[in-house]
């Protein structure tokens, strides 16, 4: 069995779950106008978009697959940084 279909399925699940979390946190932000929830929404959005970009780079780009790993790691790190910031914002 090839790893590619499993990776694509897991990446799709990541996008669906990450998109759902981002949507619900955005709705909570819109309801409360909390700066912390805005930052949380941005953080989850960055992590989710990173998963999407990494999948696109991996599947549709002639670049080495390790570039996709670097892209995803960059977005994940940035997103988690914003999520951490959201815990300190008032």
C-alpha atoms as a PDB file:
ATOM      1  CA  UNK A   1       0.000   0.000   0.000  1.00  0.00           C
ATOM      2  CA  UNK A   2       1.257   3.450  -0.907  1.00  0.00           C
ATOM      3  CA  UNK A   3       1.574   6.055   1.813  1.00  0.00           C
ATOM      4  CA  UNK A   4       0.286   8.844  -0.452  1.00  0.00           C
ATOM      5  CA  UNK A   5      -3.473   8.060  -0.186  1.00  0.00           C
ATOM      6  CA  UNK A   6      -3.194   7.816   3.591  1.00  0.00           C
ATOM      7  CA  UNK A   7      -1.271  11.103   3.762  1.00  0.00           C
ATOM      8  CA  UNK A   8      -3.833  12.815   1.515  1.00  0.00           C
ATOM      9  CA  UNK A   9      -6.705  11.484   3.642  1.00  0.00           C
ATOM     10  CA  UNK A  10      -5.069  12.649   6.855  1.00  0.00           C
ATOM     11  CA  UNK A  11      -4.211  16.052   5.374  1.00  0.00           C
ATOM     12  CA  UNK A  12      -7.848  16.413   4.242  1.00  0.00           C
ATOM     13  CA  UNK A  13      -9.058  15.532   7.729  1.00  0.00           C
ATOM     14  CA  UNK A  14      -6.626  18.090   9.154  1.00  0.00           C
ATOM     15  CA  UNK A  15      -8.073  20.751   6.855  1.00  0.00           C
ATOM     16  CA  UNK A  16     -11.666  19.889   7.780  1.00  0.00           C
ATOM     17  CA  UNK A  17     -10.991  19.842  11.528  1.00  0.00           C
ATOM     18  CA  UNK A  18      -8.719  22.895  11.441  1.00  0.00           C
ATOM     19  CA  UNK A  19     -11.229  24.783   9.331  1.00  0.00           C
ATOM     20  CA  UNK A  20     -14.003  23.885  11.766  1.00  0.00           C
ATOM     21  CA  UNK A  21     -11.986  25.052  14.777  1.00  0.00           C
ATOM     22  CA  UNK A  22     -11.106  28.271  12.955  1.00  0.00           C
ATOM     23  CA  UNK A  23     -14.750  28.870  12.023  1.00  0.00           C
ATOM     24  CA  UNK A  24     -16.043  28.302  15.564  1.00  0.00           C
ATOM     25  CA  UNK A  25     -13.360  30.498  17.110  1.00  0.00           C
ATOM     26  CA  UNK A  26     -14.171  33.222  14.540  1.00  0.00           C
ATOM     27  CA  UNK A  27     -17.852  33.036  15.448  1.00  0.00           C
ATOM     28  CA  UNK A  28     -16.934  33.340  19.127  1.00  0.00           C
ATOM     29  CA  UNK A  29     -14.720  36.334  18.328  1.00  0.00           C
ATOM     30  CA  UNK A  30     -17.509  37.995  16.347  1.00  0.00           C
ATOM     31  CA  UNK A  31     -19.913  37.477  19.224  1.00  0.00           C
ATOM     32  CA  UNK A  32     -17.561  38.778  21.942  1.00  0.00           C
ATOM     33  CA  UNK A  33     -15.092  41.023  20.048  1.00  0.00           C
ATOM     34  CA  UNK A  34     -12.377  39.594  22.299  1.00  0.00           C
ATOM     35  CA  UNK A  35      -8.812  40.306  21.170  1.00  0.00           C
ATOM     36  CA  UNK A  36      -7.760  36.935  22.561  1.00  0.00           C
ATOM     37  CA  UNK A  37     -10.323  35.092  20.433  1.00  0.00           C
ATOM     38  CA  UNK A  38      -9.259  37.094  17.381  1.00  0.00           C
ATOM     39  CA  UNK A  39      -5.648  36.012  17.919  1.00  0.00           C
ATOM     40  CA  UNK A  40      -6.767  32.429  18.548  1.00  0.00           C
ATOM     41  CA  UNK A  41      -8.710  32.454  15.272  1.00  0.00           C
ATOM     42  CA  UNK A  42      -5.702  33.791  13.376  1.00  0.00           C
ATOM     43  CA  UNK A  43      -3.429  31.180  14.979  1.00  0.00           C
ATOM     44  CA  UNK A  44      -5.651  28.254  14.060  1.00  0.00           C
ATOM     45  CA  UNK A  45      -6.147  29.724  10.613  1.00  0.00           C
ATOM     46  CA  UNK A  46      -2.388  29.945  10.042  1.00  0.00           C
ATOM     47  CA  UNK A  47      -1.865  26.328  11.131  1.00  0.00           C
ATOM     48  CA  UNK A  48      -4.710  25.169   8.863  1.00  0.00           C
ATOM     49  CA  UNK A  49      -3.519  27.185   5.852  1.00  0.00           C
ATOM     50  CA  UNK A  50      -0.034  25.779   6.434  1.00  0.00           C
ATOM     51  CA  UNK A  51      -1.396  22.257   6.143  1.00  0.00           C
ATOM     52  CA  UNK A  52      -3.114  23.235   2.902  1.00  0.00           C
ATOM     53  CA  UNK A  53       0.009  24.860   1.430  1.00  0.00           C
ATOM     54  CA  UNK A  54       2.167  21.917   2.421  1.00  0.00           C
ATOM     55  CA  UNK A  55      -0.255  19.521   0.733  1.00  0.00           C
ATOM     56  CA  UNK A  56      -0.276  21.615  -2.423  1.00  0.00           C
ATOM     57  CA  UNK A  57       3.525  21.824  -2.476  1.00  0.00           C
ATOM     58  CA  UNK A  58       3.809  18.091  -1.870  1.00  0.00           C
ATOM     59  CA  UNK A  59       1.230  16.959  -4.434  1.00  0.00           C
ATOM     60  CA  UNK A  60       1.418  19.544  -7.210  1.00  0.00           C
ATOM     61  CA  UNK A  61       4.884  21.050  -7.078  1.00  0.00           C
ATOM     62  CA  UNK A  62       8.045  19.699  -8.696  1.00  0.00           C
ATOM     63  CA  UNK A  63       9.910  20.641  -5.523  1.00  0.00           C
ATOM     64  CA  UNK A  64      11.395  18.037  -3.225  1.00  0.00           C
ATOM     65  CA  UNK A  65       8.849  16.705  -0.692  1.00  0.00           C
ATOM     66  CA  UNK A  66      11.045  17.940   2.142  1.00  0.00           C
ATOM     67  CA  UNK A  67      10.103  21.486   1.067  1.00  0.00           C
ATOM     68  CA  UNK A  68       6.490  20.655   1.973  1.00  0.00           C
ATOM     69  CA  UNK A  69       7.661  19.626   5.428  1.00  0.00           C
ATOM     70  CA  UNK A  70       9.510  22.925   5.860  1.00  0.00           C
ATOM     71  CA  UNK A  71       6.465  24.907   4.648  1.00  0.00           C
ATOM     72  CA  UNK A  72       4.155  23.116   7.053  1.00  0.00           C
ATOM     73  CA  UNK A  73       6.603  23.476   9.934  1.00  0.00           C
ATOM     74  CA  UNK A  74       6.945  27.206   9.268  1.00  0.00           C
ATOM     75  CA  UNK A  75       3.192  27.780   9.299  1.00  0.00           C
ATOM     76  CA  UNK A  76       2.680  25.513  12.317  1.00  0.00           C
ATOM     77  CA  UNK A  77       5.360  27.347  14.288  1.00  0.00           C
ATOM     78  CA  UNK A  78       3.922  30.748  13.382  1.00  0.00           C
ATOM     79  CA  UNK A  79       0.370  29.619  14.153  1.00  0.00           C
ATOM     80  CA  UNK A  80       1.307  28.174  17.525  1.00  0.00           C
ATOM     81  CA  UNK A  81       3.155  31.417  18.295  1.00  0.00           C
ATOM     82  CA  UNK A  82      -0.041  33.372  17.633  1.00  0.00           C
ATOM     83  CA  UNK A  83      -2.077  30.874  19.694  1.00  0.00           C
ATOM     84  CA  UNK A  84       0.383  31.299  22.577  1.00  0.00           C
ATOM     85  CA  UNK A  85       0.058  35.082  22.224  1.00  0.00           C
ATOM     86  CA  UNK A  86      -3.751  34.699  22.411  1.00  0.00           C
ATOM     87  CA  UNK A  87      -3.372  33.218  25.888  1.00  0.00           C
ATOM     88  CA  UNK A  88      -1.687  36.406  27.129  1.00  0.00           C
ATOM     89  CA  UNK A  89      -3.800  39.046  25.386  1.00  0.00           C
ATOM     90  CA  UNK A  90      -6.573  40.697  27.371  1.00  0.00           C
END
